[in-house]
Amino acid sequence: MRTASITEAKNNLSKLIKKVRHGESVLILDRNVPVARLEPLRAGSEEADEARFVELEKQGLLKRGRGKLPKDFWTRPRPKFKGSVVETMLKMREEAPW
């Protein structure tokens, strides 16, 4: 675990956050006394999922729905795909107007 003084944390917060994003924890010290810890979000946690969704939206890879599903949504017949679902999705992406 990496340690950083409060002054170092203030001056290099972006660098420390980058290390945390890559899985490293950072212990913040005030006059060599531990006072706080920066840790990566636990994988699968609600906060981590939300952060991932936001990142995917920024990249244009995800668009979250805004409304409610129709009441009969789960009972509707599913679409039939010819061949691989992955191949079909890739083909749909290539043909998309955006």
PDB file of N, CA and C in Angstrom:
ATOM      1  N   MET A   1       0.840  -1.171   0.000  1.00  0.00           N
ATOM      2  CA  MET A   1       0.000   0.000   0.000  1.00  0.00           C
ATOM      3  C   MET A   1       0.890   1.241   0.000  1.00  0.00           C
ATOM      4  N   ARG A   2       0.548   2.149  -0.854  1.00  0.00           N
ATOM      5  CA  ARG A   2       1.298   3.409  -0.965  1.00  0.00           C
ATOM      6  C   ARG A   2       0.840   4.356   0.137  1.00  0.00           C
ATOM      7  N   THR A   3       1.746   5.206   0.609  1.00  0.00           N
ATOM      8  CA  THR A   3       1.387   6.223   1.590  1.00  0.00           C
ATOM      9  C   THR A   3       1.656   7.599   0.987  1.00  0.00           C
ATOM     10  N   ALA A   4       0.910   8.598   1.479  1.00  0.00           N
ATOM     11  CA  ALA A   4       1.091   9.973   1.018  1.00  0.00           C
ATOM     12  C   ALA A   4       0.723  10.916   2.156  1.00  0.00           C
ATOM     13  N   SER A   5       1.506  11.965   2.308  1.00  0.00           N
ATOM     14  CA  SER A   5       1.175  12.985   3.301  1.00  0.00           C
ATOM     15  C   SER A   5      -0.008  13.787   2.784  1.00  0.00           C
ATOM     16  N   ILE A   6      -0.621  14.553   3.670  1.00  0.00           N
ATOM     17  CA  ILE A   6      -1.750  15.386   3.252  1.00  0.00           C
ATOM     18  C   ILE A   6      -1.311  16.368   2.173  1.00  0.00           C
ATOM     19  N   THR A   7      -0.132  16.968   2.350  1.00  0.00           N
ATOM     20  CA  THR A   7       0.379  17.917   1.350  1.00  0.00           C
ATOM     21  C   THR A   7       0.574  17.235   0.002  1.00  0.00           C
ATOM     22  N   GLU A   8       1.184  16.050   0.030  1.00  0.00           N
ATOM     23  CA  GLU A   8       1.397  15.300  -1.215  1.00  0.00           C
ATOM     24  C   GLU A   8       0.060  14.932  -1.850  1.00  0.00           C
ATOM     25  N   ALA A   9      -0.913  14.529  -1.024  1.00  0.00           N
ATOM     26  CA  ALA A   9      -2.228  14.159  -1.543  1.00  0.00           C
ATOM     27  C   ALA A   9      -2.916  15.361  -2.190  1.00  0.00           C
ATOM     28  N   LYS A  10      -2.807  16.534  -1.557  1.00  0.00           N
ATOM     29  CA  LYS A  10      -3.409  17.737  -2.132  1.00  0.00           C
ATOM     30  C   LYS A  10      -2.754  18.102  -3.459  1.00  0.00           C
ATOM     31  N   ASN A  11      -1.434  17.998  -3.510  1.00  0.00           N
ATOM     32  CA  ASN A  11      -0.701  18.414  -4.706  1.00  0.00           C
ATOM     33  C   ASN A  11      -0.762  17.388  -5.841  1.00  0.00           C
ATOM     34  N   ASN A  12      -1.000  16.138  -5.504  1.00  0.00           N
ATOM     35  CA  ASN A  12      -0.951  15.073  -6.519  1.00  0.00           C
ATOM     36  C   ASN A  12      -2.201  14.201  -6.504  1.00  0.00           C
ATOM     37  N   LEU A  13      -3.341  14.780  -6.190  1.00  0.00           N
ATOM     38  CA  LEU A  13      -4.562  13.983  -6.069  1.00  0.00           C
ATOM     39  C   LEU A  13      -4.889  13.222  -7.355  1.00  0.00           C
ATOM     40  N   SER A  14      -4.742  13.867  -8.494  1.00  0.00           N
ATOM     41  CA  SER A  14      -5.053  13.197  -9.766  1.00  0.00           C
ATOM     42  C   SER A  14      -4.181  11.966  -9.965  1.00  0.00           C
ATOM     43  N   LYS A  15      -2.913  12.073  -9.642  1.00  0.00           N
ATOM     44  CA  LYS A  15      -2.005  10.928  -9.781  1.00  0.00           C
ATOM     45  C   LYS A  15      -2.384   9.809  -8.819  1.00  0.00           C
ATOM     46  N   LEU A  16      -2.752  10.183  -7.593  1.00  0.00           N
ATOM     47  CA  LEU A  16      -3.141   9.174  -6.614  1.00  0.00           C
ATOM     48  C   LEU A  16      -4.436   8.476  -7.035  1.00  0.00           C
ATOM     49  N   ILE A  17      -5.383   9.242  -7.557  1.00  0.00           N
ATOM     50  CA  ILE A  17      -6.642   8.650  -8.032  1.00  0.00           C
ATOM     51  C   ILE A  17      -6.371   7.685  -9.183  1.00  0.00           C
ATOM     52  N   LYS A  18      -5.436   8.035 -10.043  1.00  0.00           N
ATOM     53  CA  LYS A  18      -5.080   7.152 -11.159  1.00  0.00           C
ATOM     54  C   LYS A  18      -4.549   5.818 -10.628  1.00  0.00           C
ATOM     55  N   LYS A  19      -3.722   5.873  -9.590  1.00  0.00           N
ATOM     56  CA  LYS A  19      -3.203   4.643  -8.984  1.00  0.00           C
ATOM     57  C   LYS A  19      -4.340   3.827  -8.369  1.00  0.00           C
ATOM     58  N   VAL A  20      -5.285   4.516  -7.724  1.00  0.00           N
ATOM     59  CA  VAL A  20      -6.420   3.826  -7.113  1.00  0.00           C
ATOM     60  C   VAL A  20      -7.266   3.160  -8.190  1.00  0.00           C
ATOM     61  N   ARG A  21      -7.452   3.837  -9.325  1.00  0.00           N
ATOM     62  CA  ARG A  21      -8.217   3.234 -10.432  1.00  0.00           C
ATOM     63  C   ARG A  21      -7.580   1.948 -10.932  1.00  0.00           C
ATOM     64  N   HIS A  22      -6.269   1.855 -10.770  1.00  0.00           N
ATOM     65  CA  HIS A  22      -5.560   0.653 -11.202  1.00  0.00           C
ATOM     66  C   HIS A  22      -5.423  -0.377 -10.084  1.00  0.00           C
ATOM     67  N   GLY A  23      -6.192  -0.191  -9.007  1.00  0.00           N
ATOM     68  CA  GLY A  23      -6.266  -1.208  -7.970  1.00  0.00           C
ATOM     69  C   GLY A  23      -5.408  -0.987  -6.735  1.00  0.00           C
ATOM     70  N   GLU A  24      -4.638   0.081  -6.716  1.00  0.00           N
ATOM     71  CA  GLU A  24      -3.755   0.323  -5.579  1.00  0.00           C
ATOM     72  C   GLU A  24      -4.488   1.123  -4.498  1.00  0.00           C
ATOM     73  N   SER A  25      -4.181   0.861  -3.227  1.00  0.00           N
ATOM     74  CA  SER A  25      -4.723   1.648  -2.117  1.00  0.00           C
ATOM     75  C   SER A  25      -3.689   2.670  -1.684  1.00  0.00           C
ATOM     76  N   VAL A  26      -4.157   3.807  -1.183  1.00  0.00           N
ATOM     77  CA  VAL A  26      -3.262   4.874  -0.737  1.00  0.00           C
ATOM     78  C   VAL A  26      -3.665   5.268   0.680  1.00  0.00           C
ATOM     79  N   LEU A  27      -2.711   5.220   1.597  1.00  0.00           N
ATOM     80  CA  LEU A  27      -2.933   5.626   2.978  1.00  0.00           C
ATOM     81  C   LEU A  27      -2.492   7.077   3.124  1.00  0.00           C
ATOM     82  N   ILE A  28      -3.390   7.945   3.611  1.00  0.00           N
ATOM     83  CA  ILE A  28      -3.090   9.362   3.776  1.00  0.00           C
ATOM     84  C   ILE A  28      -2.617   9.581   5.217  1.00  0.00           C
ATOM     85  N   LEU A  29      -1.473  10.245   5.350  1.00  0.00           N
ATOM     86  CA  LEU A  29      -0.877  10.477   6.658  1.00  0.00           C
ATOM     87  C   LEU A  29      -0.876  11.965   7.001  1.00  0.00           C
ATOM     88  N   ASP A  30      -1.142  12.256   8.267  1.00  0.00           N
ATOM     89  CA  ASP A  30      -1.030  13.614   8.795  1.00  0.00           C
ATOM     90  C   ASP A  30       0.051  13.577   9.870  1.00  0.00           C
ATOM     91  N   ARG A  31       1.215  14.116   9.530  1.00  0.00           N
ATOM     92  CA  ARG A  31       2.389  14.069  10.415  1.00  0.00           C
ATOM     93  C   ARG A  31       2.710  12.632  10.819  1.00  0.00           C
ATOM     94  N   ASN A  32       2.741  11.751   9.820  1.00  0.00           N
ATOM     95  CA  ASN A  32       3.053  10.325   9.957  1.00  0.00           C
ATOM     96  C   ASN A  32       2.007   9.536  10.733  1.00  0.00           C
ATOM     97  N   VAL A  33       0.818  10.086  10.911  1.00  0.00           N
ATOM     98  CA  VAL A  33      -0.280   9.372  11.565  1.00  0.00           C
ATOM     99  C   VAL A  33      -1.351   9.109  10.505  1.00  0.00           C
ATOM    100  N   PRO A  34      -1.725   7.835  10.298  1.00  0.00           N
ATOM    101  CA  PRO A  34      -2.751   7.527   9.299  1.00  0.00           C
ATOM    102  C   PRO A  34      -4.089   8.172   9.667  1.00  0.00           C
ATOM    103  N   VAL A  35      -4.692   8.870   8.688  1.00  0.00           N
ATOM    104  CA  VAL A  35      -5.977   9.534   8.923  1.00  0.00           C
ATOM    105  C   VAL A  35      -7.050   9.129   7.905  1.00  0.00           C
ATOM    106  N   ALA A  36      -6.644   8.619   6.763  1.00  0.00           N
ATOM    107  CA  ALA A  36      -7.619   8.242   5.732  1.00  0.00           C
ATOM    108  C   ALA A  36      -6.990   7.234   4.783  1.00  0.00           C
ATOM    109  N   ARG A  37      -7.873   6.565   4.020  1.00  0.00           N
ATOM    110  CA  ARG A  37      -7.389   5.609   3.036  1.00  0.00           C
ATOM    111  C   ARG A  37      -8.207   5.763   1.754  1.00  0.00           C
ATOM    112  N   LEU A  38      -7.516   5.881   0.624  1.00  0.00           N
ATOM    113  CA  LEU A  38      -8.166   5.875  -0.690  1.00  0.00           C
ATOM    114  C   LEU A  38      -8.095   4.453  -1.208  1.00  0.00           C
ATOM    115  N   GLU A  39      -9.255   3.879  -1.510  1.00  0.00           N
ATOM    116  CA  GLU A  39      -9.286   2.501  -2.010  1.00  0.00           C
ATOM    117  C   GLU A  39     -10.170   2.419  -3.239  1.00  0.00           C
ATOM    118  N   PRO A  40      -9.847   1.476  -4.132  1.00  0.00           N
ATOM    119  CA  PRO A  40     -10.721   1.295  -5.293  1.00  0.00           C
ATOM    120  C   PRO A  40     -12.086   0.770  -4.844  1.00  0.00           C
ATOM    121  N   LEU A  41     -13.108   1.090  -5.620  1.00  0.00           N
ATOM    122  CA  LEU A  41     -14.429   0.561  -5.326  1.00  0.00           C
ATOM    123  C   LEU A  41     -14.419  -0.945  -5.507  1.00  0.00           C
ATOM    124  N   ARG A  42     -15.128  -1.629  -4.652  1.00  0.00           N
ATOM    125  CA  ARG A  42     -15.212  -3.086  -4.731  1.00  0.00           C
ATOM    126  C   ARG A  42     -15.967  -3.476  -5.999  1.00  0.00           C
ATOM    127  N   ALA A  43     -15.384  -4.373  -6.764  1.00  0.00           N
ATOM    128  CA  ALA A  43     -16.017  -4.814  -8.011  1.00  0.00           C
ATOM    129  C   ALA A  43     -17.384  -5.403  -7.709  1.00  0.00           C
ATOM    130  N   GLY A  44     -18.373  -5.023  -8.505  1.00  0.00           N
ATOM    131  CA  GLY A  44     -19.724  -5.534  -8.318  1.00  0.00           C
ATOM    132  C   GLY A  44     -20.555  -4.712  -7.346  1.00  0.00           C
ATOM    133  N   SER A  45     -19.941  -3.713  -6.700  1.00  0.00           N
ATOM    134  CA  SER A  45     -20.713  -2.862  -5.793  1.00  0.00           C
ATOM    135  C   SER A  45     -21.582  -1.913  -6.621  1.00  0.00           C
ATOM    136  N   GLU A  46     -22.611  -1.396  -5.995  1.00  0.00           N
ATOM    137  CA  GLU A  46     -23.523  -0.489  -6.694  1.00  0.00           C
ATOM    138  C   GLU A  46     -22.784   0.751  -7.204  1.00  0.00           C
ATOM    139  N   GLU A  47     -21.867   1.264  -6.379  1.00  0.00           N
ATOM    140  CA  GLU A  47     -21.109   2.453  -6.775  1.00  0.00           C
ATOM    141  C   GLU A  47     -20.197   2.167  -7.962  1.00  0.00           C
ATOM    142  N   ALA A  48     -19.545   0.988  -7.940  1.00  0.00           N
ATOM    143  CA  ALA A  48     -18.652   0.609  -9.041  1.00  0.00           C
ATOM    144  C   ALA A  48     -19.445   0.420 -10.331  1.00  0.00           C
ATOM    145  N   ASP A  49     -20.618  -0.211 -10.224  1.00  0.00           N
ATOM    146  CA  ASP A  49     -21.462  -0.410 -11.404  1.00  0.00           C
ATOM    147  C   ASP A  49     -21.901   0.930 -11.986  1.00  0.00           C
ATOM    148  N   GLU A  50     -22.325   1.846 -11.120  1.00  0.00           N
ATOM    149  CA  GLU A  50     -22.770   3.159 -11.588  1.00  0.00           C
ATOM    150  C   GLU A  50     -21.629   3.900 -12.279  1.00  0.00           C
ATOM    151  N   ALA A  51     -20.429   3.836 -11.683  1.00  0.00           N
ATOM    152  CA  ALA A  51     -19.265   4.500 -12.292  1.00  0.00           C
ATOM    153  C   ALA A  51     -18.967   3.894 -13.664  1.00  0.00           C
ATOM    154  N   ARG A  52     -19.088   2.585 -13.780  1.00  0.00           N
ATOM    155  CA  ARG A  52     -18.829   1.911 -15.064  1.00  0.00           C
ATOM    156  C   ARG A  52     -19.865   2.334 -16.108  1.00  0.00           C
ATOM    157  N   PHE A  53     -21.138   2.407 -15.698  1.00  0.00           N
ATOM    158  CA  PHE A  53     -22.183   2.829 -16.626  1.00  0.00           C
ATOM    159  C   PHE A  53     -21.939   4.253 -17.121  1.00  0.00           C
ATOM    160  N   VAL A  54     -21.557   5.138 -16.209  1.00  0.00           N
ATOM    161  CA  VAL A  54     -21.276   6.534 -16.587  1.00  0.00           C
ATOM    162  C   VAL A  54     -20.135   6.578 -17.594  1.00  0.00           C
ATOM    163  N   GLU A  55     -19.089   5.790 -17.344  1.00  0.00           N
ATOM    164  CA  GLU A  55     -17.936   5.756 -18.257  1.00  0.00           C
ATOM    165  C   GLU A  55     -18.345   5.237 -19.641  1.00  0.00           C
ATOM    166  N   LEU A  56     -19.146   4.182 -19.677  1.00  0.00           N
ATOM    167  CA  LEU A  56     -19.606   3.633 -20.960  1.00  0.00           C
ATOM    168  C   LEU A  56     -20.497   4.630 -21.706  1.00  0.00           C
ATOM    169  N   GLU A  57     -21.316   5.380 -20.968  1.00  0.00           N
ATOM    170  CA  GLU A  57     -22.143   6.407 -21.609  1.00  0.00           C
ATOM    171  C   GLU A  57     -21.279   7.502 -22.211  1.00  0.00           C
ATOM    172  N   LYS A  58     -20.244   7.929 -21.500  1.00  0.00           N
ATOM    173  CA  LYS A  58     -19.345   8.968 -22.014  1.00  0.00           C
ATOM    174  C   LYS A  58     -18.655   8.515 -23.290  1.00  0.00           C
ATOM    175  N   GLN A  59     -18.344   7.212 -23.367  1.00  0.00           N
ATOM    176  CA  GLN A  59     -17.670   6.671 -24.548  1.00  0.00           C
ATOM    177  C   GLN A  59     -18.645   6.420 -25.695  1.00  0.00           C
ATOM    178  N   GLY A  60     -19.943   6.569 -25.430  1.00  0.00           N
ATOM    179  CA  GLY A  60     -20.945   6.342 -26.465  1.00  0.00           C
ATOM    180  C   GLY A  60     -21.238   4.870 -26.698  1.00  0.00           C
ATOM    181  N   LEU A  61     -20.850   4.009 -25.773  1.00  0.00           N
ATOM    182  CA  LEU A  61     -21.065   2.578 -25.930  1.00  0.00           C
ATOM    183  C   LEU A  61     -22.343   2.097 -25.263  1.00  0.00           C
ATOM    184  N   LEU A  62     -22.970   2.955 -24.486  1.00  0.00           N
ATOM    185  CA  LEU A  62     -24.162   2.579 -23.737  1.00  0.00           C
ATOM    186  C   LEU A  62     -25.117   3.756 -23.696  1.00  0.00           C
ATOM    187  N   LYS A  63     -26.386   3.465 -23.834  1.00  0.00           N
ATOM    188  CA  LYS A  63     -27.408   4.486 -23.665  1.00  0.00           C
ATOM    189  C   LYS A  63     -28.479   3.886 -22.765  1.00  0.00           C
ATOM    190  N   ARG A  64     -28.586   4.446 -21.574  1.00  0.00           N
ATOM    191  CA  ARG A  64     -29.554   3.916 -20.615  1.00  0.00           C
ATOM    192  C   ARG A  64     -30.948   4.432 -20.930  1.00  0.00           C
ATOM    193  N   GLY A  65     -31.922   3.577 -20.698  1.00  0.00           N
ATOM    194  CA  GLY A  65     -33.309   3.945 -20.911  1.00  0.00           C
ATOM    195  C   GLY A  65     -33.769   4.978 -19.906  1.00  0.00           C
ATOM    196  N   ARG A  66     -34.754   5.738 -20.273  1.00  0.00           N
ATOM    197  CA  ARG A  66     -35.258   6.800 -19.393  1.00  0.00           C
ATOM    198  C   ARG A  66     -36.679   6.513 -18.905  1.00  0.00           C
ATOM    199  N   GLY A  67     -37.408   5.697 -19.616  1.00  0.00           N
ATOM    200  CA  GLY A  67     -38.805   5.454 -19.267  1.00  0.00           C
ATOM    201  C   GLY A  67     -39.010   4.088 -18.635  1.00  0.00           C
ATOM    202  N   LYS A  68     -40.273   3.707 -18.526  1.00  0.00           N
ATOM    203  CA  LYS A  68     -40.632   2.414 -17.961  1.00  0.00           C
ATOM    204  C   LYS A  68     -40.896   1.421 -19.084  1.00  0.00           C
ATOM    205  N   LEU A  69     -40.661   0.148 -18.783  1.00  0.00           N
ATOM    206  CA  LEU A  69     -40.949  -0.899 -19.751  1.00  0.00           C
ATOM    207  C   LEU A  69     -42.454  -1.106 -19.843  1.00  0.00           C
ATOM    208  N   PRO A  70     -42.956  -1.468 -21.030  1.00  0.00           N
ATOM    209  CA  PRO A  70     -44.383  -1.792 -21.140  1.00  0.00           C
ATOM    210  C   PRO A  70     -44.713  -2.985 -20.232  1.00  0.00           C
ATOM    211  N   LYS A  71     -45.949  -3.045 -19.759  1.00  0.00           N
ATOM    212  CA  LYS A  71     -46.343  -4.103 -18.822  1.00  0.00           C
ATOM    213  C   LYS A  71     -46.151  -5.507 -19.396  1.00  0.00           C
ATOM    214  N   ASP A  72     -46.331  -5.644 -20.703  1.00  0.00           N
ATOM    215  CA  ASP A  72     -46.211  -6.971 -21.310  1.00  0.00           C
ATOM    216  C   ASP A  72     -44.800  -7.273 -21.817  1.00  0.00           C
ATOM    217  N   PHE A  73     -43.822  -6.473 -21.449  1.00  0.00           N
ATOM    218  CA  PHE A  73     -42.468  -6.608 -21.992  1.00  0.00           C
ATOM    219  C   PHE A  73     -41.906  -8.020 -21.802  1.00  0.00           C
ATOM    220  N   TRP A  74     -42.012  -8.580 -20.606  1.00  0.00           N
ATOM    221  CA  TRP A  74     -41.387  -9.877 -20.312  1.00  0.00           C
ATOM    222  C   TRP A  74     -42.148 -11.048 -20.902  1.00  0.00           C
ATOM    223  N   THR A  75     -43.372 -10.836 -21.364  1.00  0.00           N
ATOM    224  CA  THR A  75     -44.142 -11.928 -21.966  1.00  0.00           C
ATOM    225  C   THR A  75     -44.131 -11.871 -23.488  1.00  0.00           C
ATOM    226  N   ARG A  76     -43.581 -10.820 -24.053  1.00  0.00           N
ATOM    227  CA  ARG A  76     -43.495 -10.713 -25.511  1.00  0.00           C
ATOM    228  C   ARG A  76     -42.559 -11.775 -26.065  1.00  0.00           C
ATOM    229  N   PRO A  77     -42.807 -12.236 -27.294  1.00  0.00           N
ATOM    230  CA  PRO A  77     -41.862 -13.190 -27.891  1.00  0.00           C
ATOM    231  C   PRO A  77     -40.525 -12.522 -28.168  1.00  0.00           C
ATOM    232  N   ARG A  78     -39.469 -13.255 -27.964  1.00  0.00           N
ATOM    233  CA  ARG A  78     -38.122 -12.715 -28.197  1.00  0.00           C
ATOM    234  C   ARG A  78     -37.818 -12.701 -29.695  1.00  0.00           C
ATOM    235  N   PRO A  79     -36.982 -11.769 -30.128  1.00  0.00           N
ATOM    236  CA  PRO A  79     -36.618 -11.738 -31.551  1.00  0.00           C
ATOM    237  C   PRO A  79     -35.801 -12.972 -31.909  1.00  0.00           C
ATOM    238  N   LYS A  80     -35.947 -13.401 -33.137  1.00  0.00           N
ATOM    239  CA  LYS A  80     -35.194 -14.564 -33.613  1.00  0.00           C
ATOM    240  C   LYS A  80     -33.976 -14.067 -34.379  1.00  0.00           C
ATOM    241  N   PHE A  81     -32.831 -14.596 -34.052  1.00  0.00           N
ATOM    242  CA  PHE A  81     -31.597 -14.213 -34.723  1.00  0.00           C
ATOM    243  C   PHE A  81     -31.157 -15.349 -35.632  1.00  0.00           C
ATOM    244  N   LYS A  82     -30.664 -14.960 -36.791  1.00  0.00           N
ATOM    245  CA  LYS A  82     -30.095 -15.958 -37.701  1.00  0.00           C
ATOM    246  C   LYS A  82     -28.607 -15.997 -37.420  1.00  0.00           C
ATOM    247  N   GLY A  83     -28.091 -17.135 -37.033  1.00  0.00           N
ATOM    248  CA  GLY A  83     -26.669 -17.245 -36.746  1.00  0.00           C
ATOM    249  C   GLY A  83     -26.347 -16.780 -35.343  1.00  0.00           C
ATOM    250  N   SER A  84     -25.145 -16.310 -35.168  1.00  0.00           N
ATOM    251  CA  SER A  84     -24.639 -15.890 -33.868  1.00  0.00           C
ATOM    252  C   SER A  84     -25.222 -14.539 -33.447  1.00  0.00           C
ATOM    253  N   VAL A  85     -25.596 -14.439 -32.201  1.00  0.00           N
ATOM    254  CA  VAL A  85     -26.097 -13.170 -31.667  1.00  0.00           C
ATOM    255  C   VAL A  85     -24.997 -12.112 -31.738  1.00  0.00           C
ATOM    256  N   VAL A  86     -23.770 -12.502 -31.430  1.00  0.00           N
ATOM    257  CA  VAL A  86     -22.648 -11.562 -31.452  1.00  0.00           C
ATOM    258  C   VAL A  86     -22.433 -11.039 -32.867  1.00  0.00           C
ATOM    259  N   GLU A  87     -22.431 -11.926 -33.851  1.00  0.00           N
ATOM    260  CA  GLU A  87     -22.256 -11.498 -35.240  1.00  0.00           C
ATOM    261  C   GLU A  87     -23.383 -10.569 -35.669  1.00  0.00           C
ATOM    262  N   THR A  88     -24.609 -10.890 -35.250  1.00  0.00           N
ATOM    263  CA  THR A  88     -25.750 -10.051 -35.587  1.00  0.00           C
ATOM    264  C   THR A  88     -25.602  -8.658 -34.977  1.00  0.00           C
ATOM    265  N   MET A  89     -25.188  -8.596 -33.702  1.00  0.00           N
ATOM    266  CA  MET A  89     -24.999  -7.298 -33.038  1.00  0.00           C
ATOM    267  C   MET A  89     -23.901  -6.481 -33.716  1.00  0.00           C
ATOM    268  N   LEU A  90     -22.802  -7.126 -34.079  1.00  0.00           N
ATOM    269  CA  LEU A  90     -21.720  -6.424 -34.761  1.00  0.00           C
ATOM    270  C   LEU A  90     -22.182  -5.882 -36.105  1.00  0.00           C
ATOM    271  N   LYS A  91     -22.968  -6.669 -36.805  1.00  0.00           N
ATOM    272  CA  LYS A  91     -23.499  -6.233 -38.100  1.00  0.00           C
ATOM    273  C   LYS A  91     -24.449  -5.046 -37.908  1.00  0.00           C
ATOM    274  N   MET A  92     -25.283  -5.103 -36.864  1.00  0.00           N
ATOM    275  CA  MET A  92     -26.205  -3.999 -36.583  1.00  0.00           C
ATOM    276  C   MET A  92     -25.424  -2.721 -36.257  1.00  0.00           C
ATOM    277  N   ARG A  93     -24.315  -2.857 -35.524  1.00  0.00           N
ATOM    278  CA  ARG A  93     -23.488  -1.694 -35.194  1.00  0.00           C
ATOM    279  C   ARG A  93     -22.909  -1.067 -36.450  1.00  0.00           C
ATOM    280  N   GLU A  94     -22.430  -1.913 -37.377  1.00  0.00           N
ATOM    281  CA  GLU A  94     -21.834  -1.402 -38.623  1.00  0.00           C
ATOM    282  C   GLU A  94     -22.873  -0.663 -39.453  1.00  0.00           C
ATOM    283  N   GLU A  95     -24.118  -1.122 -39.412  1.00  0.00           N
ATOM    284  CA  GLU A  95     -25.167  -0.535 -40.217  1.00  0.00           C
ATOM    285  C   GLU A  95     -25.844   0.654 -39.544  1.00  0.00           C
ATOM    286  N   ALA A  96     -25.528   0.895 -38.285  1.00  0.00           N
ATOM    287  CA  ALA A  96     -26.172   1.986 -37.538  1.00  0.00           C
ATOM    288  C   ALA A  96     -25.835   3.334 -38.167  1.00  0.00           C
ATOM    289  N   PRO A  97     -26.809   4.259 -38.175  1.00  0.00           N
ATOM    290  CA  PRO A  97     -26.583   5.549 -38.817  1.00  0.00           C
ATOM    291  C   PRO A  97     -25.660   6.469 -38.039  1.00  0.00           C
ATOM    292  N   TRP A  98     -25.381   6.203 -36.806  1.00  0.00           N
ATOM    293  CA  TRP A  98     -24.532   7.103 -36.031  1.00  0.00           C
ATOM    294  C   TRP A  98     -23.157   6.695 -36.190  1.00  0.00           C
TER     295      TRP A  98
END
